[in-house]
Amino acid sequence: MSKMVNIIVDGQRLQAEEGALLLPMLLKNGIMVPHFCYHDALGPDGNCRMCMVGIEGQKRPQIACDTFVKKDMIVNTKDENINDVKRKILELELLSHPVDCPICDQAGECSLQDYYMEFGLNEARRPKEEKKLKNKKLDIGKNIILDQERCVLCARCTRFTQEITHTNELVIIGRGDDARISTVPGQEMHTPYAMNIIDLCPVGALTSKDFRFKQRVWFMNTAKSICHGCAKGCNIYIDHNQEKYKSDTIYRFRPRINLEVNGHFICDEGRLSYKDENKERLSDFYQQNKLITEEVALAHLLHCLTRLHPLLIVSPSLSLEELTVIQVISKRFDLEVFAYAQGYEDKSFGDDWLRSSDKSANLASVKKLDIKNSKDKLVRALECTGLVINFNHHSFLNTNPIDQALLVHKKEIHFASHSFDNCRHNELLLPISSYSENEGCLINEDGILQRFEAGLCNEKKSLLELLHNILSTPATPKEVWDEHLEEVFGFGYEDIGPLGVQV
């Protein structure tokens, strides 16, 4: 066990782990120390020199990212001499930096802006005509635009491709004023994790082609969620905004730190999957291509459940709470329920890091609840029924014509969040909110149970709410836990922290 020692920082006594790096310890304790090159996922590099602090007994300022905690050390982060050093470093960074904050996508999230307001406010001593001009808009592949003039050469991006992905696409070329980030000649970014360098960049040098000029960050709201792209369950932020006279819209997904699941990063496919959440949303109830009211739809659904003995098919990406309620319904009416999971397997997608070949988000919950997921048993069950109720599973059996033939002459009822081919022609179509609008839980492939928040505020009812309206089943995830799941897991819904629980 690491030894804890006392240190003094700006007159405040703190406890810290002996031998730990000073900079992350200071940041963890809420002490703002400016830095460009240091990042928790990459460690110290020491090239930006912005994290200078005074240490009693040392003749000159030291960089906090490469200084280790010692017993009884006295640290000063606010001394005027220290701040003067930081001002001079900032002035060097700004010598040729373009003053284009009003059109920069990083505005509002830019470390250089923040540090300048805190320590800078210098008058420019280099005439504008002498500024070093570099390339302003380089497409380096994988949806990334590089602006070499904005770069502060922190080397986070090059270190990411060298130390994290080991693909080595980015290098620093040139010397002095001519130094700049560039791709290796003849190459573009090709790693499926390339867009993480946009998050790593502390300034506006690396921006997303997908997000450029679409939204100012201070207008957006943020929700903590889970990527539903595969069984890894990467933690994400959903950034969204509802403009006047428009629906609430997602503008980007960003990685959310969870060291036990995805660390600091997410894959590019998961990052861009927000587009699927925005498009082709359903809002109306239909019966055989005829527009109907919610009341008529629910009455017909109840009739089908009680009189026609349907087969229930659930998506293995539904939340734990939704799966639980559907299982409760299946037992109440003595119905079979299946989760068709084989269609979600994509071995070409998986790797040994953050991409799983299981592209369902919650297969572990299906197994935890003992919901059948055998394709052979499902096929046999389909042969014995004339009605299928699909729960947000519109992709079911739509790629194999042999399997698709099993649905011929069968009536289908769909609970769906997004439109799909001929969806209105089904026996019944009931629109529901998507995961980005709901809260709930998933269990990832490593057995970590995680909660996700409701993000968007569009006026669609959830699957739980619709089922509650006709069957009086629990209407919220918390109610599902109180009535059914707390006994199974041994803890309550509110006991699940932001980083999840191993189950």
Protein backbone atom coordinates (compact mmCIF):
# COMPACT_ATOMS: atom_id res chain seq x y z
CA MET A 1 0.00 0.00 0.00
CA SER A 2 1.34 3.44 -0.96
CA LYS A 3 2.51 5.67 1.86
CA MET A 4 0.57 8.92 2.36
CA VAL A 5 2.58 12.00 3.32
CA ASN A 6 1.78 15.61 4.18
CA ILE A 7 2.72 18.43 1.82
CA ILE A 8 1.89 22.14 1.78
CA VAL A 9 0.56 23.79 -1.38
CA ASP A 10 -0.03 27.56 -1.35
CA GLY A 11 -0.22 27.44 2.44
CA GLN A 12 -2.77 24.61 2.42
CA ARG A 13 -1.87 21.27 4.02
CA LEU A 14 -2.68 18.27 1.82
CA GLN A 15 -2.19 14.53 1.99
CA ALA A 16 -0.67 12.89 -1.06
CA GLU A 17 0.79 9.58 -2.13
CA GLU A 18 4.57 9.62 -1.75
CA GLY A 19 6.31 9.24 -5.11
CA ALA A 20 3.23 10.23 -7.13
CA LEU A 21 3.50 12.86 -9.86
CA LEU A 22 2.84 16.31 -8.48
CA LEU A 23 0.71 17.71 -11.33
CA PRO A 24 -2.13 15.14 -11.33
CA MET A 25 -2.20 15.29 -7.53
CA LEU A 26 -2.67 19.07 -7.65
CA LEU A 27 -5.38 18.82 -10.31
CA LYS A 28 -7.18 16.12 -8.34
CA ASN A 29 -7.28 18.48 -5.35
CA GLY A 30 -8.81 21.27 -7.41
CA ILE A 31 -5.63 23.35 -7.72
CA MET A 32 -5.52 24.79 -11.23
CA VAL A 33 -2.08 24.40 -12.79
CA PRO A 34 -1.94 25.27 -16.52
CA HIS A 35 -0.58 22.54 -18.79
CA PHE A 36 -0.64 21.61 -22.46
CA CYS A 37 1.45 18.49 -22.98
CA TYR A 38 0.47 16.47 -19.89
CA HIS A 39 -2.57 14.20 -20.14
CA ASP A 40 -3.65 11.51 -17.71
CA ALA A 41 -3.79 8.91 -20.49
CA LEU A 42 -0.37 9.83 -21.90
CA GLY A 43 1.61 10.81 -18.83
CA PRO A 44 4.29 13.52 -18.63
CA ASP A 45 6.21 14.85 -21.61
CA GLY A 46 7.68 18.06 -20.24
CA ASN A 47 7.83 20.00 -23.49
CA CYS A 48 5.32 22.82 -22.89
CA ARG A 49 6.80 24.05 -19.55
CA MET A 50 3.45 25.60 -18.59
CA CYS A 51 3.08 23.67 -15.34
CA MET A 52 5.94 25.48 -13.58
CA VAL A 53 5.67 25.62 -9.79
CA GLY A 54 7.97 26.85 -7.06
CA ILE A 55 9.33 24.24 -4.64
CA GLU A 56 11.04 25.32 -1.44
CA GLY A 57 14.70 24.38 -1.56
CA GLN A 58 14.92 24.48 -5.37
CA LYS A 59 16.77 27.36 -7.03
CA ARG A 60 14.44 27.67 -10.00
CA PRO A 61 10.84 26.75 -10.90
CA GLN A 62 10.16 23.07 -11.63
CA ILE A 63 7.67 21.45 -13.99
CA ALA A 64 4.98 19.77 -11.90
CA CYS A 65 4.35 17.03 -14.48
CA ASP A 66 7.80 15.54 -13.87
CA THR A 67 8.19 16.28 -10.15
CA PHE A 68 7.43 13.62 -7.57
CA VAL A 69 5.71 14.11 -4.23
CA LYS A 70 8.03 14.03 -1.22
CA LYS A 71 7.29 14.21 2.47
CA ASP A 72 6.91 17.75 3.83
CA MET A 73 7.59 19.41 0.46
CA ILE A 74 6.32 23.00 0.17
CA VAL A 75 4.87 23.97 -3.21
CA ASN A 76 3.92 27.42 -4.49
CA THR A 77 1.71 27.72 -7.58
CA LYS A 78 0.67 31.37 -7.27
CA ASP A 79 3.89 33.27 -6.65
CA GLU A 80 4.25 36.31 -8.91
CA ASN A 81 7.59 35.03 -10.24
CA ILE A 82 5.90 31.75 -11.22
CA ASN A 83 3.04 33.59 -12.91
CA ASP A 84 5.54 35.76 -14.78
CA VAL A 85 7.21 32.63 -16.18
CA LYS A 86 3.82 31.36 -17.36
CA ARG A 87 3.03 34.70 -18.99
CA LYS A 88 6.28 34.59 -20.95
CA ILE A 89 5.64 31.01 -22.08
CA LEU A 90 2.15 32.03 -23.21
CA GLU A 91 3.61 34.96 -25.11
CA LEU A 92 5.89 32.58 -27.00
CA GLU A 93 2.94 30.33 -27.80
CA LEU A 94 0.97 33.32 -29.12
CA LEU A 95 3.73 34.85 -31.27
CA SER A 96 2.33 33.31 -34.44
CA HIS A 97 -0.97 32.03 -33.15
CA PRO A 98 -3.92 33.31 -35.22
CA VAL A 99 -6.46 35.37 -33.32
CA ASP A 100 -9.44 33.56 -34.83
CA CYS A 101 -11.28 32.54 -31.67
CA PRO A 102 -14.65 33.82 -33.00
CA ILE A 103 -14.60 31.20 -35.79
CA CYS A 104 -12.71 28.44 -33.98
CA ASP A 105 -14.69 25.33 -33.00
CA GLN A 106 -12.59 24.95 -29.87
CA ALA A 107 -13.75 28.32 -28.51
CA GLY A 108 -15.24 27.73 -25.10
CA GLU A 109 -13.22 24.53 -24.61
CA CYS A 110 -9.75 25.93 -25.39
CA SER A 111 -7.00 25.70 -22.78
CA LEU A 112 -5.05 28.49 -24.49
CA GLN A 113 -8.03 30.85 -24.12
CA ASP A 114 -8.44 29.92 -20.45
CA TYR A 115 -4.76 30.33 -19.60
CA TYR A 116 -4.47 33.60 -21.48
CA MET A 117 -7.34 35.07 -19.48
CA GLU A 118 -5.76 33.79 -16.26
CA PHE A 119 -2.09 34.64 -16.83
CA GLY A 120 -1.65 36.46 -20.13
CA LEU A 121 -3.22 39.70 -21.33
CA ASN A 122 0.08 40.73 -22.93
CA GLU A 123 0.41 43.35 -25.60
CA ALA A 124 1.65 41.84 -28.86
CA ARG A 125 5.34 42.63 -29.40
CA ARG A 126 5.64 41.01 -32.84
CA PRO A 127 4.10 42.91 -35.77
CA LYS A 128 1.29 41.03 -37.50
CA GLU A 129 3.27 41.04 -40.75
CA GLU A 130 6.03 38.96 -39.12
CA LYS A 131 3.77 36.15 -37.92
CA LYS A 132 4.80 32.74 -39.22
CA LEU A 133 2.16 31.46 -41.63
CA LYS A 134 1.38 27.74 -41.87
CA ASN A 135 -1.32 25.58 -43.43
CA LYS A 136 -4.78 26.47 -42.13
CA LYS A 137 -6.94 23.61 -43.39
CA LEU A 138 -5.35 20.23 -43.97
CA ASP A 139 -7.56 17.17 -44.36
CA ILE A 140 -5.51 14.44 -42.68
CA GLY A 141 -8.19 11.76 -43.02
CA LYS A 142 -10.71 10.11 -40.69
CA ASN A 143 -12.92 13.23 -40.44
CA ILE A 144 -10.08 15.37 -39.03
CA ILE A 145 -8.98 18.86 -40.12
CA LEU A 146 -5.53 20.11 -39.05
CA ASP A 147 -4.83 23.84 -38.61
CA GLN A 148 -1.06 24.08 -38.19
CA GLU A 149 -1.15 27.76 -37.19
CA ARG A 150 -3.24 27.04 -34.10
CA CYS A 151 -1.02 24.19 -32.92
CA VAL A 152 0.99 24.70 -29.70
CA LEU A 153 3.14 21.59 -30.36
CA CYS A 154 2.12 19.86 -27.15
CA ALA A 155 2.67 16.54 -29.00
CA ARG A 156 -0.38 14.88 -27.44
CA CYS A 157 -1.64 13.76 -30.87
CA THR A 158 1.69 12.33 -32.03
CA ARG A 159 2.12 10.51 -28.73
CA PHE A 160 -1.38 9.06 -29.06
CA THR A 161 -0.54 7.47 -32.42
CA GLN A 162 2.84 6.29 -31.14
CA GLU A 163 2.03 5.08 -27.62
CA ILE A 164 -1.69 4.24 -27.65
CA THR A 165 -2.65 3.01 -31.14
CA HIS A 166 0.94 2.24 -32.27
CA THR A 167 0.02 3.36 -35.79
CA ASN A 168 2.51 6.27 -35.98
CA GLU A 169 0.58 8.39 -38.49
CA LEU A 170 1.52 11.77 -36.98
CA VAL A 171 4.96 13.35 -36.56
CA ILE A 172 6.47 16.75 -35.79
CA ILE A 173 8.48 18.09 -38.72
CA GLY A 174 10.69 21.17 -39.02
CA ARG A 175 12.54 23.17 -36.37
CA GLY A 176 11.95 26.32 -34.39
CA ASP A 177 9.28 28.54 -35.95
CA ASP A 178 8.89 26.02 -38.78
CA ALA A 179 8.01 23.10 -36.48
CA ARG A 180 4.55 21.71 -37.15
CA ILE A 181 2.39 18.60 -36.84
CA SER A 182 2.03 16.57 -40.03
CA THR A 183 1.08 13.13 -41.23
CA VAL A 184 3.82 10.80 -42.40
CA PRO A 185 4.35 11.61 -46.12
CA GLY A 186 2.00 9.58 -48.29
CA GLN A 187 -0.24 8.58 -45.38
CA GLU A 188 -3.50 9.70 -43.83
CA MET A 189 -4.92 8.88 -40.43
CA HIS A 190 -6.25 5.33 -40.64
CA THR A 191 -6.66 4.07 -37.08
CA PRO A 192 -10.31 3.46 -36.10
CA TYR A 193 -9.59 5.57 -32.99
CA ALA A 194 -8.26 8.60 -34.89
CA MET A 195 -10.84 11.15 -33.72
CA ASN A 196 -9.64 10.86 -30.13
CA ILE A 197 -6.84 13.26 -31.05
CA ILE A 198 -9.54 15.94 -31.41
CA ASP A 199 -10.37 15.52 -27.71
CA LEU A 200 -6.69 15.39 -26.77
CA CYS A 201 -5.85 18.63 -28.58
CA PRO A 202 -5.94 21.46 -25.99
CA VAL A 203 -6.50 24.13 -28.66
CA GLY A 204 -8.28 24.30 -32.02
CA ALA A 205 -5.58 22.73 -34.15
CA LEU A 206 -7.45 19.45 -34.66
CA THR A 207 -11.17 19.71 -35.33
CA SER A 208 -13.88 17.36 -36.52
CA LYS A 209 -15.14 17.77 -40.07
CA ASP A 210 -18.41 16.39 -38.80
CA PHE A 211 -18.84 19.01 -36.04
CA ARG A 212 -17.16 22.08 -37.59
CA PHE A 213 -19.30 25.24 -37.50
CA LYS A 214 -22.46 23.39 -36.42
CA GLN A 215 -22.91 24.48 -32.81
CA ARG A 216 -21.30 26.62 -30.14
CA VAL A 217 -20.41 24.53 -27.11
CA TRP A 218 -21.97 26.96 -24.62
CA PHE A 219 -25.39 26.47 -26.22
CA MET A 220 -25.35 22.70 -25.76
CA ASN A 221 -26.57 20.56 -22.88
CA THR A 222 -24.70 17.44 -21.85
CA ALA A 223 -25.90 14.06 -20.56
CA LYS A 224 -23.89 11.11 -19.27
CA SER A 225 -24.68 8.03 -21.31
CA ILE A 226 -23.35 4.72 -22.63
CA CYS A 227 -22.46 3.99 -26.26
CA HIS A 228 -24.86 1.36 -27.64
CA GLY A 229 -22.63 0.46 -30.60
CA CYS A 230 -21.24 -2.76 -29.14
CA ALA A 231 -20.97 -4.79 -25.94
CA LYS A 232 -17.97 -2.84 -24.61
CA GLY A 233 -20.25 -0.21 -23.09
CA CYS A 234 -17.96 2.80 -23.50
CA ASN A 235 -18.94 5.80 -21.39
CA ILE A 236 -19.89 8.88 -23.39
CA TYR A 237 -21.23 12.40 -23.11
CA ILE A 238 -24.20 13.28 -25.33
CA ASP A 239 -24.00 16.95 -26.38
CA HIS A 240 -27.35 18.20 -27.64
CA ASN A 241 -29.34 21.38 -28.15
CA GLN A 242 -32.96 22.24 -28.85
CA GLU A 243 -33.10 25.33 -31.02
CA LYS A 244 -36.25 27.39 -31.37
CA TYR A 245 -39.01 25.62 -33.32
CA LYS A 246 -36.82 22.50 -33.71
CA SER A 247 -36.56 19.11 -32.06
CA ASP A 248 -33.85 18.44 -29.52
CA THR A 249 -30.89 17.28 -31.61
CA ILE A 250 -27.63 15.49 -30.84
CA TYR A 251 -24.54 17.19 -32.25
CA ARG A 252 -21.80 14.90 -31.02
CA PHE A 253 -20.75 12.07 -28.72
CA ARG A 254 -17.61 12.53 -26.63
CA PRO A 255 -15.74 9.99 -24.48
CA ARG A 256 -16.42 10.04 -20.75
CA ILE A 257 -13.64 8.79 -18.50
CA ASN A 258 -14.15 5.37 -16.93
CA LEU A 259 -10.83 3.65 -16.31
CA GLU A 260 -12.49 0.24 -15.80
CA VAL A 261 -14.27 0.29 -19.17
CA ASN A 262 -12.94 2.60 -21.88
CA GLY A 263 -10.32 4.72 -20.14
CA HIS A 264 -10.30 8.13 -21.82
CA PHE A 265 -11.25 7.10 -25.36
CA ILE A 266 -13.93 5.72 -27.71
CA CYS A 267 -13.77 4.37 -31.26
CA ASP A 268 -14.69 6.55 -34.25
CA GLU A 269 -17.70 4.43 -35.22
CA GLY A 270 -19.18 4.80 -31.76
CA ARG A 271 -18.45 8.54 -31.76
CA LEU A 272 -20.28 9.06 -35.06
CA SER A 273 -23.20 6.78 -34.20
CA TYR A 274 -25.08 9.84 -32.88
CA LYS A 275 -26.19 10.42 -36.49
CA ASP A 276 -28.33 7.29 -36.36
CA GLU A 277 -30.07 8.68 -33.28
CA ASN A 278 -31.10 11.84 -35.12
CA LYS A 279 -32.48 10.42 -38.34
CA GLU A 280 -35.82 8.86 -39.31
CA ARG A 281 -37.48 9.12 -35.92
CA LEU A 282 -41.00 7.76 -35.54
CA SER A 283 -43.75 9.83 -33.93
CA ASP A 284 -47.14 8.41 -35.03
CA PHE A 285 -49.08 5.21 -34.35
CA TYR A 286 -50.09 3.11 -37.37
CA GLN A 287 -52.21 0.03 -37.97
CA GLN A 288 -51.74 -1.54 -41.40
CA ASN A 289 -50.66 1.80 -42.91
CA LYS A 290 -53.56 3.66 -41.28
CA LEU A 291 -52.85 6.50 -38.85
CA ILE A 292 -54.46 5.79 -35.46
CA THR A 293 -54.44 7.26 -31.95
CA GLU A 294 -52.34 6.01 -29.07
CA GLU A 295 -55.46 4.80 -27.26
CA VAL A 296 -56.61 2.69 -30.22
CA ALA A 297 -53.11 1.26 -30.66
CA LEU A 298 -52.78 0.26 -27.01
CA ALA A 299 -56.25 -1.29 -26.96
CA HIS A 300 -55.37 -3.42 -29.98
CA LEU A 301 -52.04 -4.37 -28.40
CA LEU A 302 -53.81 -5.53 -25.24
CA HIS A 303 -56.20 -7.60 -27.34
CA CYS A 304 -53.27 -9.26 -29.13
CA LEU A 305 -51.45 -10.02 -25.88
CA THR A 306 -54.47 -11.56 -24.18
CA ARG A 307 -56.16 -13.36 -27.08
CA LEU A 308 -53.65 -14.20 -29.86
CA HIS A 309 -50.71 -15.68 -27.93
CA PRO A 310 -47.92 -13.80 -29.79
CA LEU A 311 -44.21 -14.56 -29.82
CA LEU A 312 -42.12 -11.79 -28.20
CA ILE A 313 -38.77 -10.85 -29.73
CA VAL A 314 -36.55 -8.33 -27.94
CA SER A 315 -33.45 -6.48 -29.01
CA PRO A 316 -30.34 -7.43 -27.01
CA SER A 317 -29.64 -3.69 -26.91
CA LEU A 318 -32.69 -2.85 -24.80
CA SER A 319 -31.99 -1.69 -21.26
CA LEU A 320 -31.95 -4.12 -18.35
CA GLU A 321 -35.19 -2.59 -17.05
CA GLU A 322 -36.99 -2.91 -20.41
CA LEU A 323 -35.91 -6.55 -20.74
CA THR A 324 -37.12 -7.23 -17.19
CA VAL A 325 -40.59 -5.77 -17.80
CA ILE A 326 -40.98 -7.71 -21.06
CA GLN A 327 -40.01 -10.89 -19.23
CA VAL A 328 -42.62 -10.10 -16.56
CA ILE A 329 -45.24 -9.69 -19.31
CA SER A 330 -44.22 -12.98 -20.93
CA LYS A 331 -44.76 -14.81 -17.64
CA ARG A 332 -48.07 -13.07 -16.97
CA PHE A 333 -49.53 -14.17 -20.32
CA ASP A 334 -47.55 -17.42 -20.67
CA LEU A 335 -45.68 -16.21 -23.78
CA GLU A 336 -42.30 -17.14 -25.16
CA VAL A 337 -39.68 -14.37 -25.38
CA PHE A 338 -36.50 -14.49 -27.45
CA ALA A 339 -33.52 -12.18 -27.97
CA TYR A 340 -32.11 -12.78 -31.42
CA ALA A 341 -28.44 -12.00 -30.83
CA GLN A 342 -26.64 -13.85 -33.64
CA GLY A 343 -27.38 -11.11 -36.15
CA TYR A 344 -25.37 -8.68 -34.02
CA GLU A 345 -22.04 -10.51 -34.32
CA ASP A 346 -19.42 -8.83 -36.52
CA LYS A 347 -15.98 -10.39 -36.16
CA SER A 348 -14.45 -7.87 -38.58
CA PHE A 349 -15.34 -5.05 -36.15
CA GLY A 350 -13.85 -6.42 -32.94
CA ASP A 351 -10.32 -5.81 -31.70
CA ASP A 352 -8.37 -6.25 -28.47
CA TRP A 353 -9.13 -2.76 -27.17
CA LEU A 354 -12.50 -0.94 -27.25
CA ARG A 355 -14.35 -2.59 -30.16
CA SER A 356 -16.30 -5.78 -29.48
CA SER A 357 -17.40 -8.21 -32.19
CA ASP A 358 -20.70 -8.41 -30.27
CA LYS A 359 -22.51 -5.34 -31.58
CA SER A 360 -25.44 -5.67 -29.19
CA ALA A 361 -25.25 -3.35 -26.20
CA ASN A 362 -26.79 -5.59 -23.55
CA LEU A 363 -26.47 -9.30 -24.34
CA ALA A 364 -25.06 -9.84 -20.84
CA SER A 365 -28.42 -8.72 -19.38
CA VAL A 366 -30.25 -11.12 -21.70
CA LYS A 367 -28.16 -13.95 -20.29
CA LYS A 368 -28.54 -12.68 -16.72
CA LEU A 369 -32.33 -12.82 -17.07
CA ASP A 370 -32.21 -16.24 -18.80
CA ILE A 371 -33.97 -14.93 -21.90
CA LYS A 372 -33.61 -17.43 -24.74
CA ASN A 373 -31.28 -16.39 -27.55
CA SER A 374 -30.90 -19.59 -29.56
CA LYS A 375 -31.60 -19.08 -33.24
CA ASP A 376 -32.72 -22.70 -33.77
CA LYS A 377 -35.27 -22.48 -30.95
CA LEU A 378 -36.47 -19.13 -32.27
CA VAL A 379 -37.00 -20.55 -35.76
CA ARG A 380 -39.04 -23.43 -34.33
CA ALA A 381 -41.10 -21.00 -32.26
CA LEU A 382 -41.77 -18.84 -35.32
CA GLU A 383 -43.17 -21.84 -37.15
CA CYS A 384 -45.82 -22.22 -34.44
CA THR A 385 -47.14 -18.66 -34.24
CA GLY A 386 -49.03 -16.25 -36.44
CA LEU A 387 -48.17 -13.05 -34.56
CA VAL A 388 -44.80 -11.59 -33.58
CA ILE A 389 -44.26 -8.59 -31.30
CA ASN A 390 -40.89 -6.95 -31.92
CA PHE A 391 -39.49 -4.70 -29.21
CA ASN A 392 -37.23 -2.14 -30.94
CA HIS A 393 -35.82 -4.85 -33.14
CA HIS A 394 -36.65 -3.72 -36.68
CA SER A 395 -33.43 -5.25 -38.05
CA PHE A 396 -34.64 -8.70 -37.04
CA LEU A 397 -33.99 -11.30 -39.75
CA ASN A 398 -33.84 -8.67 -42.49
CA THR A 399 -30.54 -9.71 -44.06
CA ASN A 400 -31.10 -13.41 -44.78
CA PRO A 401 -33.86 -14.14 -47.35
CA ILE A 402 -34.27 -17.67 -45.98
CA ASP A 403 -34.88 -16.32 -42.47
CA GLN A 404 -37.06 -13.54 -43.84
CA ALA A 405 -39.30 -16.16 -45.41
CA LEU A 406 -40.22 -17.30 -41.90
CA LEU A 407 -42.10 -14.03 -41.39
CA VAL A 408 -44.25 -14.35 -44.51
CA HIS A 409 -47.96 -14.52 -43.65
CA LYS A 410 -47.22 -13.55 -40.04
CA LYS A 411 -48.58 -10.43 -38.44
CA GLU A 412 -46.00 -8.16 -36.83
CA ILE A 413 -46.34 -5.58 -34.10
CA HIS A 414 -43.37 -3.25 -33.71
CA PHE A 415 -42.27 -1.03 -30.85
CA ALA A 416 -39.65 1.07 -32.65
CA SER A 417 -37.76 4.29 -32.13
CA HIS A 418 -36.60 4.69 -35.74
CA SER A 419 -38.23 4.16 -39.11
CA PHE A 420 -37.48 1.11 -41.28
CA ASP A 421 -38.74 -0.32 -44.57
CA ASN A 422 -42.52 -0.78 -44.73
CA CYS A 423 -42.84 -0.14 -41.00
CA ARG A 424 -46.31 1.43 -41.37
CA HIS A 425 -47.68 -1.65 -43.11
CA ASN A 426 -47.30 -3.86 -40.05
CA GLU A 427 -50.25 -5.00 -37.96
CA LEU A 428 -49.29 -2.30 -35.47
CA LEU A 429 -46.52 0.29 -35.17
CA LEU A 430 -45.92 1.97 -31.81
CA PRO A 431 -43.27 4.74 -31.66
CA ILE A 432 -41.09 4.84 -28.55
CA SER A 433 -38.26 7.01 -27.30
CA SER A 434 -34.69 5.95 -27.98
CA TYR A 435 -31.90 5.27 -25.49
CA SER A 436 -30.64 8.84 -25.86
CA GLU A 437 -33.99 10.01 -24.44
CA ASN A 438 -34.24 7.37 -21.71
CA GLU A 439 -32.42 6.39 -18.56
CA GLY A 440 -31.60 2.85 -17.58
CA CYS A 441 -28.85 0.26 -17.16
CA LEU A 442 -26.69 -1.97 -19.33
CA ILE A 443 -24.31 -4.79 -18.42
CA ASN A 444 -21.25 -4.82 -20.66
CA GLU A 445 -19.31 -7.86 -21.83
CA ASP A 446 -16.98 -7.59 -18.83
CA GLY A 447 -19.88 -7.83 -16.37
CA ILE A 448 -19.94 -4.15 -15.35
CA LEU A 449 -23.47 -2.83 -14.75
CA GLN A 450 -23.68 0.85 -15.72
CA ARG A 451 -26.36 3.54 -15.64
CA PHE A 452 -27.04 6.02 -18.42
CA GLU A 453 -28.96 9.29 -18.17
CA ALA A 454 -31.82 10.59 -20.27
CA GLY A 455 -30.42 13.19 -22.64
CA LEU A 456 -32.82 14.53 -25.25
CA CYS A 457 -36.17 16.03 -24.25
CA ASN A 458 -38.38 15.14 -27.21
CA GLU A 459 -42.03 14.32 -26.50
CA LYS A 460 -42.05 10.56 -27.03
CA LYS A 461 -43.13 7.99 -24.49
CA SER A 462 -40.73 5.28 -23.45
CA LEU A 463 -41.39 1.58 -23.90
CA LEU A 464 -41.86 1.31 -20.13
CA GLU A 465 -44.47 4.08 -20.12
CA LEU A 466 -46.51 2.58 -22.96
CA LEU A 467 -46.55 -0.86 -21.35
CA HIS A 468 -47.45 0.68 -17.99
CA ASN A 469 -50.47 2.42 -19.53
CA ILE A 470 -52.17 -0.88 -20.40
CA LEU A 471 -50.58 -3.43 -18.06
CA SER A 472 -49.69 -1.39 -14.94
CA THR A 473 -46.10 -2.63 -15.09
CA PRO A 474 -43.37 -0.36 -13.63
CA ALA A 475 -43.19 2.92 -15.53
CA THR A 476 -39.63 3.99 -14.65
CA PRO A 477 -36.28 2.21 -14.27
CA LYS A 478 -36.28 2.94 -10.53
CA GLU A 479 -39.68 1.29 -10.14
CA VAL A 480 -38.40 -1.77 -12.02
CA TRP A 481 -35.48 -2.00 -9.60
CA ASP A 482 -37.69 -1.51 -6.55
CA GLU A 483 -40.13 -4.23 -7.64
CA HIS A 484 -37.91 -6.76 -9.42
CA LEU A 485 -34.17 -6.14 -9.64
CA GLU A 486 -33.04 -5.02 -6.19
CA GLU A 487 -33.61 -8.53 -4.88
CA VAL A 488 -31.69 -10.04 -7.83
CA PHE A 489 -28.57 -7.86 -7.53
CA GLY A 490 -28.56 -7.06 -3.82
CA PHE A 491 -28.42 -3.27 -4.27
CA GLY A 492 -30.75 -0.53 -5.46
CA TYR A 493 -30.95 1.65 -8.56
CA GLU A 494 -29.56 4.69 -6.76
CA ASP A 495 -26.60 2.66 -5.45
CA ILE A 496 -25.17 2.40 -8.97
CA GLY A 497 -22.46 5.05 -9.17
CA PRO A 498 -21.35 6.97 -12.27
CA LEU A 499 -18.67 4.36 -13.06
CA GLY A 500 -20.87 1.27 -12.64
CA VAL A 501 -20.77 -1.86 -10.49
CA GLN A 502 -19.13 -5.22 -11.18
CA VAL A 503 -21.81 -7.95 -11.10
